[in-house]
C-alpha atoms as a PDB file:
ATOM      1  CA  MET A   1       0.014   0.017   0.005  1.00  0.00           C
ATOM      2  CA  ASP A   2       1.142   3.446  -0.722  1.00  0.00           C
ATOM      3  CA  PRO A   3       1.591   5.563   2.314  1.00  0.00           C
ATOM      4  CA  ALA A   4       0.102   8.673   0.611  1.00  0.00           C
ATOM      5  CA  GLN A   5      -3.162   6.740   0.313  1.00  0.00           C
ATOM      6  CA  ILE A   6      -3.474   5.705   4.027  1.00  0.00           C
ATOM      7  CA  PRO A   7      -6.213   7.820   5.628  1.00  0.00           C
ATOM      8  CA  LEU A   8      -3.977   9.231   8.334  1.00  0.00           C
ATOM      9  CA  ARG A   9      -4.376  12.693   9.869  1.00  0.00           C
ATOM     10  CA  ASP A  10      -1.820  14.924  11.674  1.00  0.00           C
ATOM     11  CA  LEU A  11      -1.636  14.647  15.484  1.00  0.00           C
ATOM     12  CA  HIS A  12      -4.157  16.807  17.242  1.00  0.00           C
ATOM     13  CA  LEU A  13      -3.137  18.119  20.687  1.00  0.00           C
ATOM     14  CA  PRO A  14      -5.984  18.445  23.199  1.00  0.00           C
ATOM     15  CA  GLU A  15      -6.994  21.920  24.314  1.00  0.00           C
ATOM     16  CA  ALA A  16      -5.159  23.348  27.346  1.00  0.00           C
ATOM     17  CA  VAL A  17      -6.898  22.808  30.548  1.00  0.00           C
ATOM     18  CA  GLY A  18      -8.676  25.915  31.557  1.00  0.00           C
ATOM     19  CA  TRP A  19      -8.219  27.599  34.899  1.00  0.00           C
ATOM     20  CA  TRP A  20     -11.876  28.168  35.387  1.00  0.00           C
ATOM     21  CA  PRO A  21     -13.908  26.586  36.964  1.00  0.00           C
ATOM     22  CA  LEU A  22     -11.558  25.980  39.878  1.00  0.00           C
ATOM     23  CA  ALA A  23     -11.056  22.531  41.204  1.00  0.00           C
ATOM     24  CA  PRO A  24     -12.691  21.826  44.635  1.00  0.00           C
ATOM     25  CA  GLY A  25      -9.174  21.800  46.328  1.00  0.00           C
ATOM     26  CA  TRP A  26      -8.555  25.412  45.307  1.00  0.00           C
ATOM     27  CA  TRP A  27     -11.889  26.539  46.783  1.00  0.00           C
ATOM     28  CA  VAL A  28     -10.820  25.025  50.029  1.00  0.00           C
ATOM     29  CA  VAL A  29      -7.498  26.829  49.897  1.00  0.00           C
ATOM     30  CA  ILE A  30      -9.239  30.057  49.098  1.00  0.00           C
ATOM     31  CA  ALA A  31     -11.700  29.575  51.941  1.00  0.00           C
ATOM     32  CA  MET A  32      -8.839  28.816  54.368  1.00  0.00           C
ATOM     33  CA  ALA A  33      -6.908  31.949  53.183  1.00  0.00           C
ATOM     34  CA  ILE A  34      -9.965  34.077  53.792  1.00  0.00           C
ATOM     35  CA  VAL A  35     -10.544  32.669  57.207  1.00  0.00           C
ATOM     36  CA  GLY A  36      -6.870  33.140  58.098  1.00  0.00           C
ATOM     37  CA  LEU A  37      -6.819  36.788  56.884  1.00  0.00           C
ATOM     38  CA  GLY A  38     -10.061  37.302  58.993  1.00  0.00           C
ATOM     39  CA  PHE A  39      -8.265  36.090  62.034  1.00  0.00           C
ATOM     40  CA  LEU A  40      -5.107  38.282  61.295  1.00  0.00           C
ATOM     41  CA  LEU A  41      -7.342  41.334  60.839  1.00  0.00           C
ATOM     42  CA  ARG A  42      -9.120  40.643  64.037  1.00  0.00           C
ATOM     43  CA  ALA A  43      -5.917  40.223  66.019  1.00  0.00           C
ATOM     44  CA  TRP A  44      -4.419  43.438  64.470  1.00  0.00           C
ATOM     45  CA  LEU A  45      -7.640  45.391  65.398  1.00  0.00           C
ATOM     46  CA  ARG A  46      -7.497  44.098  69.047  1.00  0.00           C
ATOM     47  CA  MET A  47      -3.802  45.041  69.345  1.00  0.00           C
ATOM     48  CA  ARG A  48      -4.608  48.449  67.909  1.00  0.00           C
ATOM     49  CA  ALA A  49      -7.404  48.976  70.219  1.00  0.00           C
ATOM     50  CA  ARG A  50      -5.226  47.981  73.250  1.00  0.00           C
ATOM     51  CA  GLY A  51      -2.778  50.655  72.382  1.00  0.00           C
ATOM     52  CA  ALA A  52      -5.315  53.359  71.589  1.00  0.00           C
ATOM     53  CA  ALA A  53      -5.226  54.920  75.038  1.00  0.00           C
ATOM     54  CA  ARG A  54      -1.443  54.870  74.968  1.00  0.00           C
ATOM     55  CA  ARG A  55      -1.298  56.620  71.555  1.00  0.00           C
ATOM     56  CA  TYR A  56      -3.858  59.109  72.613  1.00  0.00           C
ATOM     57  CA  ALA A  57      -1.950  59.828  75.960  1.00  0.00           C
ATOM     58  CA  LEU A  58       1.347  60.355  74.068  1.00  0.00           C
ATOM     59  CA  SER A  59      -0.348  62.852  71.690  1.00  0.00           C
ATOM     60  CA  GLN A  60      -1.885  64.689  74.651  1.00  0.00           C
ATOM     61  CA  LEU A  61       1.444  64.808  76.416  1.00  0.00           C
ATOM     62  CA  LYS A  62       2.917  66.571  73.346  1.00  0.00           C
ATOM     63  CA  ARG A  63       0.033  69.049  73.457  1.00  0.00           C
ATOM     64  CA  ILE A  64       0.663  69.682  77.241  1.00  0.00           C
ATOM     65  CA  GLU A  65       4.299  70.304  76.509  1.00  0.00           C
ATOM     66  CA  LYS A  66       3.520  72.793  73.838  1.00  0.00           C
ATOM     67  CA  ASP A  67       0.989  74.494  76.050  1.00  0.00           C
ATOM     68  CA  TYR A  68       3.636  74.778  78.820  1.00  0.00           C
ATOM     69  CA  GLU A  69       6.139  76.211  76.410  1.00  0.00           C
ATOM     70  CA  GLN A  70       3.673  79.037  75.541  1.00  0.00           C
ATOM     71  CA  ARG A  71       2.231  79.795  78.976  1.00  0.00           C
ATOM     72  CA  ARG A  72       4.943  78.839  81.373  1.00  0.00           C
ATOM     73  CA  ASN A  73       2.442  78.016  84.165  1.00  0.00           C
ATOM     74  CA  PRO A  74       3.975  75.255  86.295  1.00  0.00           C
ATOM     75  CA  VAL A  75       0.804  74.698  88.295  1.00  0.00           C
ATOM     76  CA  GLU A  76      -1.450  74.247  85.232  1.00  0.00           C
ATOM     77  CA  PHE A  77       1.256  72.035  83.733  1.00  0.00           C
ATOM     78  CA  GLY A  78       1.349  69.790  86.885  1.00  0.00           C
ATOM     79  CA  VAL A  79      -2.474  69.565  86.966  1.00  0.00           C
ATOM     80  CA  GLN A  80      -2.604  68.551  83.251  1.00  0.00           C
ATOM     81  CA  LEU A  81       0.195  65.953  83.679  1.00  0.00           C
ATOM     82  CA  SER A  82      -1.371  64.484  86.655  1.00  0.00           C
ATOM     83  CA  GLU A  83      -4.785  64.330  85.033  1.00  0.00           C
ATOM     84  CA  LEU A  84      -3.306  62.642  81.915  1.00  0.00           C
ATOM     85  CA  LEU A  85      -1.563  59.993  84.079  1.00  0.00           C
ATOM     86  CA  ARG A  86      -4.681  59.250  86.000  1.00  0.00           C
ATOM     87  CA  ARG A  87      -6.828  58.903  82.961  1.00  0.00           C
ATOM     88  CA  THR A  88      -4.257  56.812  81.076  1.00  0.00           C
ATOM     89  CA  MET A  89      -3.743  54.438  84.003  1.00  0.00           C
ATOM     90  CA  LEU A  90      -7.516  54.077  84.532  1.00  0.00           C
ATOM     91  CA  ALA A  91      -7.777  52.914  80.890  1.00  0.00           C
ATOM     92  CA  TYR A  92      -5.322  49.989  81.670  1.00  0.00           C
ATOM     93  CA  ALA A  93      -5.887  49.035  85.265  1.00  0.00           C
ATOM     94  CA  PRO A  94      -9.054  48.302  87.293  1.00  0.00           C
ATOM     95  CA  ARG A  95     -10.704  51.460  88.619  1.00  0.00           C
ATOM     96  CA  HIS A  96     -10.654  50.165  92.213  1.00  0.00           C
ATOM     97  CA  ASP A  97      -6.820  49.796  91.965  1.00  0.00           C
ATOM     98  CA  VAL A  98      -6.010  53.247  90.678  1.00  0.00           C
ATOM     99  CA  ALA A  99      -8.913  55.713  91.418  1.00  0.00           C
ATOM    100  CA  GLY A 100      -8.378  56.119  95.205  1.00  0.00           C
ATOM    101  CA  LEU A 101      -4.585  56.359  95.247  1.00  0.00           C
ATOM    102  CA  THR A 102      -2.961  59.639  96.329  1.00  0.00           C
ATOM    103  CA  GLY A 103       0.427  60.910  97.386  1.00  0.00           C
ATOM    104  CA  ASP A 104       3.161  58.198  97.964  1.00  0.00           C
ATOM    105  CA  ALA A 105       0.835  55.330  97.278  1.00  0.00           C
ATOM    106  CA  TRP A 106       0.027  56.773  93.845  1.00  0.00           C
ATOM    107  CA  LEU A 107       3.696  57.235  93.103  1.00  0.00           C
ATOM    108  CA  ALA A 108       4.526  53.661  94.180  1.00  0.00           C
ATOM    109  CA  TRP A 109       1.753  52.420  91.953  1.00  0.00           C
ATOM    110  CA  LEU A 110       3.038  54.452  88.964  1.00  0.00           C
ATOM    111  CA  ASP A 111       6.554  52.849  89.628  1.00  0.00           C
ATOM    112  CA  ARG A 112       5.035  49.406  89.199  1.00  0.00           C
ATOM    113  CA  ASP A 113       6.290  47.602  86.145  1.00  0.00           C
ATOM    114  CA  LEU A 114       9.145  50.128  85.558  1.00  0.00           C
ATOM    115  CA  ALA A 115      12.801  49.095  85.762  1.00  0.00           C
ATOM    116  CA  GLN A 116      13.702  52.039  88.016  1.00  0.00           C
ATOM    117  CA  PRO A 117      11.492  53.937  90.493  1.00  0.00           C
ATOM    118  CA  VAL A 118      11.235  57.292  88.555  1.00  0.00           C
ATOM    119  CA  PHE A 119       8.101  58.492  90.465  1.00  0.00           C
ATOM    120  CA  SER A 120       8.695  57.741  94.104  1.00  0.00           C
ATOM    121  CA  ALA A 121      12.362  58.365  94.115  1.00  0.00           C
ATOM    122  CA  GLY A 122      13.047  60.372  90.916  1.00  0.00           C
ATOM    123  CA  PRO A 123      11.903  63.311  88.866  1.00  0.00           C
ATOM    124  CA  GLY A 124       8.349  61.971  88.688  1.00  0.00           C
ATOM    125  CA  ARG A 125       7.867  62.886  92.330  1.00  0.00           C
ATOM    126  CA  GLN A 126       7.070  66.387  91.145  1.00  0.00           C
ATOM    127  CA  ILE A 127       3.740  65.132  89.785  1.00  0.00           C
ATOM    128  CA  VAL A 128       2.155  65.377  93.234  1.00  0.00           C
ATOM    129  CA  GLU A 129       4.003  68.559  94.308  1.00  0.00           C
ATOM    130  CA  LEU A 130       3.802  70.667  91.066  1.00  0.00           C
ATOM    131  CA  PRO A 131      -0.054  71.357  91.196  1.00  0.00           C
ATOM    132  CA  TYR A 132       0.430  72.967  94.581  1.00  0.00           C
ATOM    133  CA  ARG A 133       3.442  75.137  93.829  1.00  0.00           C
ATOM    134  CA  ASP A 134       3.414  78.930  93.682  1.00  0.00           C
ATOM    135  CA  PRO A 135       2.795  79.765  89.994  1.00  0.00           C
ATOM    136  CA  GLN A 136       5.308  82.688  90.239  1.00  0.00           C
ATOM    137  CA  ALA A 137       8.097  80.324  91.509  1.00  0.00           C
ATOM    138  CA  PRO A 138      10.871  79.684  88.961  1.00  0.00           C
ATOM    139  CA  LEU A 139      10.982  76.255  87.517  1.00  0.00           C
ATOM    140  CA  GLU A 140      14.148  74.898  85.832  1.00  0.00           C
ATOM    141  CA  ALA A 141      13.662  73.527  82.268  1.00  0.00           C
ATOM    142  CA  THR A 142      15.663  70.445  83.153  1.00  0.00           C
ATOM    143  CA  ASP A 143      13.213  69.433  85.839  1.00  0.00           C
ATOM    144  CA  VAL A 144      10.248  69.905  83.358  1.00  0.00           C
ATOM    145  CA  ASP A 145      12.144  67.781  80.771  1.00  0.00           C
ATOM    146  CA  ARG A 146      12.888  65.029  83.263  1.00  0.00           C
ATOM    147  CA  LEU A 147       9.342  65.061  84.464  1.00  0.00           C
ATOM    148  CA  VAL A 148       7.918  64.831  80.984  1.00  0.00           C
ATOM    149  CA  ALA A 149      10.422  61.989  80.202  1.00  0.00           C
ATOM    150  CA  ALA A 150       9.145  60.111  83.300  1.00  0.00           C
ATOM    151  CA  VAL A 151       5.488  60.579  82.395  1.00  0.00           C
ATOM    152  CA  ARG A 152       6.278  59.479  78.755  1.00  0.00           C
ATOM    153  CA  HIS A 153       8.097  56.400  80.020  1.00  0.00           C
ATOM    154  CA  ARG A 154       5.189  55.518  82.296  1.00  0.00           C
ATOM    155  CA  VAL A 155       2.580  55.966  79.560  1.00  0.00           C
ATOM    156  CA  ALA A 156       4.678  54.006  77.067  1.00  0.00           C
ATOM    157  CA  THR A 157       5.283  51.136  79.488  1.00  0.00           C
ATOM    158  CA  PRO A 158       2.400  48.504  79.675  1.00  0.00           C
ATOM    159  CA  VAL A 159       0.658  48.080  82.970  1.00  0.00           C
ATOM    160  CA  GLY A 160       0.991  44.574  84.351  1.00  0.00           C
ATOM    161  CA  GLY A 161       3.287  43.525  81.542  1.00  0.00           C
ATOM    162  CA  ARG A 162       0.410  43.679  78.974  1.00  0.00           C
ATOM    163  CA  ARG A 163       1.237  44.804  75.522  1.00  0.00           C
END
C-alpha cells in the first residue's frame, strides 16, 4: 500500500486545561486563606485597640508640653500631667486599684512595672508637688524635661506586663 493513500491525519493536541472553573481543592485553599486573613485582621484590630489609650496619651502629652512652652504656668502644667496620668492608668488598670490612690501610694503604683522607680524616688515625684506650687516660683527647664520624660516612660510602658 502506498503511504500517501493511507487515511492518516496529523496529530491533534488536546486543548489546554482551563483555569476556570476551579477544582474543589482550590476552593478549600481560598476559603482557608480568607478565614486566616480574617483572624489576622481581628488580631491586628484588637492589638490596635489596646494601644489606643497609649497613643492618645502620648499625643496629649505633646500638646501639654507645647501648652507649657507658651504659657509657662507650672501649676497648670502639673495639673494637666497628673490628670493625663490618672486617665491613662484608668484605661489600663481596674478602677478600684487606681482611682483612690494619692500621694506616695500613687507614686509607688506608678513605679510598678518600671525598671527604676522614677516617680517615688526620681523626677516623677514632682507630679504630686507641682500642682500645689506657687505659680510665680521659677521652674528649671531640666526638671520639666525630666518630668515629661518620666511621664512619657510610664505611659509607654504597659501596665501589668500587657502589650
